[in-house]
Amino acid sequence: MTLDRAVLAFAGAMIFLSVALTLWVSPHFVWFTLFIGANLMQSAFTGFCPAAMVMRRLGLRPGCAF
């Protein structure tokens, strides 16, 4: 798995988790979902992604985006 696909999979899993927490725990977890969306938007424009930096250090093969 490349770094790009791992970041996309991680972001998708975090969105599913945040929506589940919003539905079953507290409606305030919607802020977590919004934070994830904002992070995806800024990484699309700047190329800076903290998750990609961590995954690169864990040894994932680089992709073309990160």
PDB file of N, CA and C in Angstrom:
ATOM      1  N   MET A   1       0.856  -1.174   0.000  1.00  0.00           N
ATOM      2  CA  MET A   1       0.000   0.000   0.000  1.00  0.00           C
ATOM      3  C   MET A   1       0.899   1.233   0.000  1.00  0.00           C
ATOM      4  N   THR A   2       0.557   2.169  -0.856  1.00  0.00           N
ATOM      5  CA  THR A   2       1.339   3.401  -0.912  1.00  0.00           C
ATOM      6  C   THR A   2       0.848   4.382   0.149  1.00  0.00           C
ATOM      7  N   LEU A   3       1.636   5.378   0.370  1.00  0.00           N
ATOM      8  CA  LEU A   3       1.322   6.408   1.355  1.00  0.00           C
ATOM      9  C   LEU A   3       0.021   7.132   1.010  1.00  0.00           C
ATOM     10  N   ASP A   4      -0.188   7.426  -0.264  1.00  0.00           N
ATOM     11  CA  ASP A   4      -1.403   8.128  -0.694  1.00  0.00           C
ATOM     12  C   ASP A   4      -2.659   7.343  -0.344  1.00  0.00           C
ATOM     13  N   ARG A   5      -2.639   6.059  -0.667  1.00  0.00           N
ATOM     14  CA  ARG A   5      -3.810   5.229  -0.390  1.00  0.00           C
ATOM     15  C   ARG A   5      -4.013   5.035   1.103  1.00  0.00           C
ATOM     16  N   ALA A   6      -2.936   4.960   1.858  1.00  0.00           N
ATOM     17  CA  ALA A   6      -3.049   4.817   3.307  1.00  0.00           C
ATOM     18  C   ALA A   6      -3.663   6.067   3.933  1.00  0.00           C
ATOM     19  N   VAL A   7      -3.279   7.238   3.452  1.00  0.00           N
ATOM     20  CA  VAL A   7      -3.849   8.487   3.966  1.00  0.00           C
ATOM     21  C   VAL A   7      -5.335   8.559   3.639  1.00  0.00           C
ATOM     22  N   LEU A   8      -5.717   8.183   2.419  1.00  0.00           N
ATOM     23  CA  LEU A   8      -7.127   8.192   2.049  1.00  0.00           C
ATOM     24  C   LEU A   8      -7.927   7.196   2.881  1.00  0.00           C
ATOM     25  N   ALA A   9      -7.384   6.010   3.109  1.00  0.00           N
ATOM     26  CA  ALA A   9      -8.066   5.006   3.927  1.00  0.00           C
ATOM     27  C   ALA A   9      -8.207   5.482   5.368  1.00  0.00           C
ATOM     28  N   PHE A  10      -7.167   6.096   5.895  1.00  0.00           N
ATOM     29  CA  PHE A  10      -7.205   6.613   7.264  1.00  0.00           C
ATOM     30  C   PHE A  10      -8.243   7.730   7.392  1.00  0.00           C
ATOM     31  N   ALA A  11      -8.284   8.632   6.418  1.00  0.00           N
ATOM     32  CA  ALA A  11      -9.259   9.728   6.450  1.00  0.00           C
ATOM     33  C   ALA A  11     -10.682   9.177   6.375  1.00  0.00           C
ATOM     34  N   GLY A  12     -10.905   8.205   5.523  1.00  0.00           N
ATOM     35  CA  GLY A  12     -12.232   7.597   5.431  1.00  0.00           C
ATOM     36  C   GLY A  12     -12.645   6.916   6.719  1.00  0.00           C
ATOM     37  N   ALA A  13     -11.715   6.202   7.337  1.00  0.00           N
ATOM     38  CA  ALA A  13     -12.022   5.537   8.609  1.00  0.00           C
ATOM     39  C   ALA A  13     -12.331   6.556   9.703  1.00  0.00           C
ATOM     40  N   MET A  14     -11.595   7.658   9.721  1.00  0.00           N
ATOM     41  CA  MET A  14     -11.852   8.694  10.728  1.00  0.00           C
ATOM     42  C   MET A  14     -13.206   9.372  10.511  1.00  0.00           C
ATOM     43  N   ILE A  15     -13.613   9.535   9.255  1.00  0.00           N
ATOM     44  CA  ILE A  15     -14.926  10.120   8.985  1.00  0.00           C
ATOM     45  C   ILE A  15     -16.026   9.171   9.449  1.00  0.00           C
ATOM     46  N   PHE A  16     -15.895   7.873   9.144  1.00  0.00           N
ATOM     47  CA  PHE A  16     -16.882   6.904   9.623  1.00  0.00           C
ATOM     48  C   PHE A  16     -16.957   6.904  11.151  1.00  0.00           C
ATOM     49  N   LEU A  17     -15.796   6.939  11.796  1.00  0.00           N
ATOM     50  CA  LEU A  17     -15.762   6.964  13.256  1.00  0.00           C
ATOM     51  C   LEU A  17     -16.421   8.212  13.809  1.00  0.00           C
ATOM     52  N   SER A  18     -16.126   9.354  13.228  1.00  0.00           N
ATOM     53  CA  SER A  18     -16.680  10.595  13.748  1.00  0.00           C
ATOM     54  C   SER A  18     -18.191  10.678  13.540  1.00  0.00           C
ATOM     55  N   VAL A  19     -18.685  10.156  12.424  1.00  0.00           N
ATOM     56  CA  VAL A  19     -20.133  10.138  12.206  1.00  0.00           C
ATOM     57  C   VAL A  19     -20.808   9.187  13.190  1.00  0.00           C
ATOM     58  N   ALA A  20     -20.208   8.039  13.432  1.00  0.00           N
ATOM     59  CA  ALA A  20     -20.765   7.106  14.410  1.00  0.00           C
ATOM     60  C   ALA A  20     -20.783   7.727  15.811  1.00  0.00           C
ATOM     61  N   LEU A  21     -19.709   8.401  16.186  1.00  0.00           N
ATOM     62  CA  LEU A  21     -19.677   9.064  17.490  1.00  0.00           C
ATOM     63  C   LEU A  21     -20.719  10.170  17.575  1.00  0.00           C
ATOM     64  N   THR A  22     -20.935  10.873  16.474  1.00  0.00           N
ATOM     65  CA  THR A  22     -21.953  11.927  16.450  1.00  0.00           C
ATOM     66  C   THR A  22     -23.346  11.334  16.651  1.00  0.00           C
ATOM     67  N   LEU A  23     -23.620  10.220  16.013  1.00  0.00           N
ATOM     68  CA  LEU A  23     -24.943   9.607  16.109  1.00  0.00           C
ATOM     69  C   LEU A  23     -25.197   8.956  17.459  1.00  0.00           C
ATOM     70  N   TRP A  24     -24.200   8.256  17.998  1.00  0.00           N
ATOM     71  CA  TRP A  24     -24.432   7.419  19.168  1.00  0.00           C
ATOM     72  C   TRP A  24     -23.900   7.970  20.483  1.00  0.00           C
ATOM     73  N   VAL A  25     -23.028   8.955  20.452  1.00  0.00           N
ATOM     74  CA  VAL A  25     -22.457   9.459  21.705  1.00  0.00           C
ATOM     75  C   VAL A  25     -22.928  10.877  21.982  1.00  0.00           C
ATOM     76  N   SER A  26     -22.560  11.798  21.095  1.00  0.00           N
ATOM     77  CA  SER A  26     -22.916  13.195  21.317  1.00  0.00           C
ATOM     78  C   SER A  26     -22.928  13.932  19.985  1.00  0.00           C
ATOM     79  N   PRO A  27     -23.884  14.827  19.804  1.00  0.00           N
ATOM     80  CA  PRO A  27     -23.901  15.610  18.567  1.00  0.00           C
ATOM     81  C   PRO A  27     -22.708  16.561  18.447  1.00  0.00           C
ATOM     82  N   HIS A  28     -21.994  16.772  19.525  1.00  0.00           N
ATOM     83  CA  HIS A  28     -20.826  17.653  19.487  1.00  0.00           C
ATOM     84  C   HIS A  28     -19.655  17.047  18.714  1.00  0.00           C
ATOM     85  N   PHE A  29     -19.708  15.735  18.464  1.00  0.00           N
ATOM     86  CA  PHE A  29     -18.649  15.109  17.674  1.00  0.00           C
ATOM     87  C   PHE A  29     -18.698  15.531  16.215  1.00  0.00           C
ATOM     88  N   VAL A  30     -19.730  16.262  15.814  1.00  0.00           N
ATOM     89  CA  VAL A  30     -19.773  16.790  14.448  1.00  0.00           C
ATOM     90  C   VAL A  30     -18.581  17.723  14.211  1.00  0.00           C
ATOM     91  N   TRP A  31     -18.080  18.326  15.258  1.00  0.00           N
ATOM     92  CA  TRP A  31     -16.891  19.182  15.129  1.00  0.00           C
ATOM     93  C   TRP A  31     -15.664  18.380  14.718  1.00  0.00           C
ATOM     94  N   PHE A  32     -15.588  17.128  15.155  1.00  0.00           N
ATOM     95  CA  PHE A  32     -14.498  16.244  14.742  1.00  0.00           C
ATOM     96  C   PHE A  32     -14.589  15.978  13.236  1.00  0.00           C
ATOM     97  N   THR A  33     -15.805  15.742  12.747  1.00  0.00           N
ATOM     98  CA  THR A  33     -16.010  15.529  11.315  1.00  0.00           C
ATOM     99  C   THR A  33     -15.598  16.767  10.525  1.00  0.00           C
ATOM    100  N   LEU A  34     -15.983  17.933  11.007  1.00  0.00           N
ATOM    101  CA  LEU A  34     -15.607  19.181  10.335  1.00  0.00           C
ATOM    102  C   LEU A  34     -14.097  19.399  10.351  1.00  0.00           C
ATOM    103  N   PHE A  35     -13.438  19.046  11.443  1.00  0.00           N
ATOM    104  CA  PHE A  35     -11.976  19.158  11.517  1.00  0.00           C
ATOM    105  C   PHE A  35     -11.310  18.260  10.476  1.00  0.00           C
ATOM    106  N   ILE A  36     -11.812  17.045  10.320  1.00  0.00           N
ATOM    107  CA  ILE A  36     -11.246  16.125   9.328  1.00  0.00           C
ATOM    108  C   ILE A  36     -11.419  16.694   7.923  1.00  0.00           C
ATOM    109  N   GLY A  37     -12.601  17.226   7.624  1.00  0.00           N
ATOM    110  CA  GLY A  37     -12.848  17.833   6.314  1.00  0.00           C
ATOM    111  C   GLY A  37     -11.943  19.022   6.061  1.00  0.00           C
ATOM    112  N   ALA A  38     -11.755  19.861   7.081  1.00  0.00           N
ATOM    113  CA  ALA A  38     -10.872  21.018   6.928  1.00  0.00           C
ATOM    114  C   ALA A  38      -9.430  20.575   6.690  1.00  0.00           C
ATOM    115  N   ASN A  39      -9.007  19.529   7.377  1.00  0.00           N
ATOM    116  CA  ASN A  39      -7.652  19.016   7.188  1.00  0.00           C
ATOM    117  C   ASN A  39      -7.480  18.460   5.780  1.00  0.00           C
ATOM    118  N   LEU A  40      -8.501  17.776   5.257  1.00  0.00           N
ATOM    119  CA  LEU A  40      -8.429  17.266   3.886  1.00  0.00           C
ATOM    120  C   LEU A  40      -8.338  18.406   2.878  1.00  0.00           C
ATOM    121  N   MET A  41      -9.104  19.462   3.108  1.00  0.00           N
ATOM    122  CA  MET A  41      -9.068  20.618   2.200  1.00  0.00           C
ATOM    123  C   MET A  41      -7.705  21.304   2.214  1.00  0.00           C
ATOM    124  N   GLN A  42      -7.161  21.553   3.394  1.00  0.00           N
ATOM    125  CA  GLN A  42      -5.875  22.243   3.442  1.00  0.00           C
ATOM    126  C   GLN A  42      -4.765  21.374   2.880  1.00  0.00           C
ATOM    127  N   SER A  43      -4.832  20.048   3.067  1.00  0.00           N
ATOM    128  CA  SER A  43      -3.781  19.200   2.497  1.00  0.00           C
ATOM    129  C   SER A  43      -3.889  19.140   0.970  1.00  0.00           C
ATOM    130  N   ALA A  44      -5.094  19.295   0.430  1.00  0.00           N
ATOM    131  CA  ALA A  44      -5.259  19.320  -1.026  1.00  0.00           C
ATOM    132  C   ALA A  44      -4.604  20.548  -1.626  1.00  0.00           C
ATOM    133  N   PHE A  45      -4.656  21.673  -0.918  1.00  0.00           N
ATOM    134  CA  PHE A  45      -4.094  22.913  -1.451  1.00  0.00           C
ATOM    135  C   PHE A  45      -2.621  23.114  -1.103  1.00  0.00           C
ATOM    136  N   THR A  46      -2.200  22.643   0.068  1.00  0.00           N
ATOM    137  CA  THR A  46      -0.830  22.904   0.499  1.00  0.00           C
ATOM    138  C   THR A  46       0.103  21.710   0.353  1.00  0.00           C
ATOM    139  N   GLY A  47      -0.453  20.496   0.330  1.00  0.00           N
ATOM    140  CA  GLY A  47       0.392  19.306   0.286  1.00  0.00           C
ATOM    141  C   GLY A  47       0.912  18.896   1.645  1.00  0.00           C
ATOM    142  N   PHE A  48       0.544  19.615   2.697  1.00  0.00           N
ATOM    143  CA  PHE A  48       0.989  19.300   4.053  1.00  0.00           C
ATOM    144  C   PHE A  48      -0.055  18.443   4.740  1.00  0.00           C
ATOM    145  N   CYS A  49       0.333  17.246   5.179  1.00  0.00           N
ATOM    146  CA  CYS A  49      -0.586  16.338   5.864  1.00  0.00           C
ATOM    147  C   CYS A  49       0.152  15.672   7.024  1.00  0.00           C
ATOM    148  N   PRO A  50      -0.240  15.979   8.260  1.00  0.00           N
ATOM    149  CA  PRO A  50       0.425  15.367   9.409  1.00  0.00           C
ATOM    150  C   PRO A  50       0.333  13.840   9.415  1.00  0.00           C
ATOM    151  N   ALA A  51      -0.798  13.285   8.983  1.00  0.00           N
ATOM    152  CA  ALA A  51      -0.933  11.826   8.942  1.00  0.00           C
ATOM    153  C   ALA A  51       0.073  11.221   7.962  1.00  0.00           C
ATOM    154  N   ALA A  52       0.287  11.876   6.841  1.00  0.00           N
ATOM    155  CA  ALA A  52       1.253  11.378   5.858  1.00  0.00           C
ATOM    156  C   ALA A  52       2.670  11.408   6.426  1.00  0.00           C
ATOM    157  N   MET A  53       2.965  12.423   7.212  1.00  0.00           N
ATOM    158  CA  MET A  53       4.302  12.502   7.814  1.00  0.00           C
ATOM    159  C   MET A  53       4.527  11.336   8.775  1.00  0.00           C
ATOM    160  N   VAL A  54       3.504  11.018   9.570  1.00  0.00           N
ATOM    161  CA  VAL A  54       3.622   9.904  10.524  1.00  0.00           C
ATOM    162  C   VAL A  54       3.740   8.582   9.776  1.00  0.00           C
ATOM    163  N   MET A  55       2.905   8.390   8.762  1.00  0.00           N
ATOM    164  CA  MET A  55       2.926   7.133   8.022  1.00  0.00           C
ATOM    165  C   MET A  55       4.225   6.950   7.249  1.00  0.00           C
ATOM    166  N   ARG A  56       4.809   8.040   6.768  1.00  0.00           N
ATOM    167  CA  ARG A  56       6.099   7.952   6.076  1.00  0.00           C
ATOM    168  C   ARG A  56       7.173   7.457   7.037  1.00  0.00           C
ATOM    169  N   ARG A  57       7.127   7.941   8.273  1.00  0.00           N
ATOM    170  CA  ARG A  57       8.104   7.490   9.270  1.00  0.00           C
ATOM    171  C   ARG A  57       7.887   6.043   9.684  1.00  0.00           C
ATOM    172  N   LEU A  58       6.657   5.550   9.497  1.00  0.00           N
ATOM    173  CA  LEU A  58       6.372   4.150   9.795  1.00  0.00           C
ATOM    174  C   LEU A  58       6.822   3.225   8.668  1.00  0.00           C
ATOM    175  N   GLY A  59       7.262   3.801   7.554  1.00  0.00           N
ATOM    176  CA  GLY A  59       7.866   3.007   6.495  1.00  0.00           C
ATOM    177  C   GLY A  59       7.004   2.723   5.289  1.00  0.00           C
ATOM    178  N   LEU A  60       5.912   3.421   5.110  1.00  0.00           N
ATOM    179  CA  LEU A  60       5.088   3.211   3.916  1.00  0.00           C
ATOM    180  C   LEU A  60       5.783   3.796   2.684  1.00  0.00           C
ATOM    181  N   ARG A  61       5.581   3.116   1.540  1.00  0.00           N
ATOM    182  CA  ARG A  61       6.168   3.577   0.297  1.00  0.00           C
ATOM    183  C   ARG A  61       5.558   4.906  -0.106  1.00  0.00           C
ATOM    184  N   PRO A  62       6.355   5.870  -0.533  1.00  0.00           N
ATOM    185  CA  PRO A  62       5.782   7.145  -0.970  1.00  0.00           C
ATOM    186  C   PRO A  62       4.952   6.968  -2.229  1.00  0.00           C
ATOM    187  N   GLY A  63       3.920   7.804  -2.328  1.00  0.00           N
ATOM    188  CA  GLY A  63       3.100   7.821  -3.527  1.00  0.00           C
ATOM    189  C   GLY A  63       3.406   9.064  -4.329  1.00  0.00           C
ATOM    190  N   CYS A  64       2.497   9.475  -5.165  1.00  0.00           N
ATOM    191  CA  CYS A  64       2.763  10.643  -5.980  1.00  0.00           C
ATOM    192  C   CYS A  64       2.239  11.926  -5.346  1.00  0.00           C
ATOM    193  N   ALA A  65       1.317  11.853  -4.392  1.00  0.00           N
ATOM    194  CA  ALA A  65       0.758  13.078  -3.808  1.00  0.00           C
ATOM    195  C   ALA A  65       1.555  13.549  -2.581  1.00  0.00           C
ATOM    196  N   PHE A  66       2.006  12.633  -1.754  1.00  0.00           N
ATOM    197  CA  PHE A  66       2.694  13.042  -0.518  1.00  0.00           C
ATOM    198  C   PHE A  66       4.136  12.595  -0.531  1.00  0.00           C
TER     199      PHE A  66
END
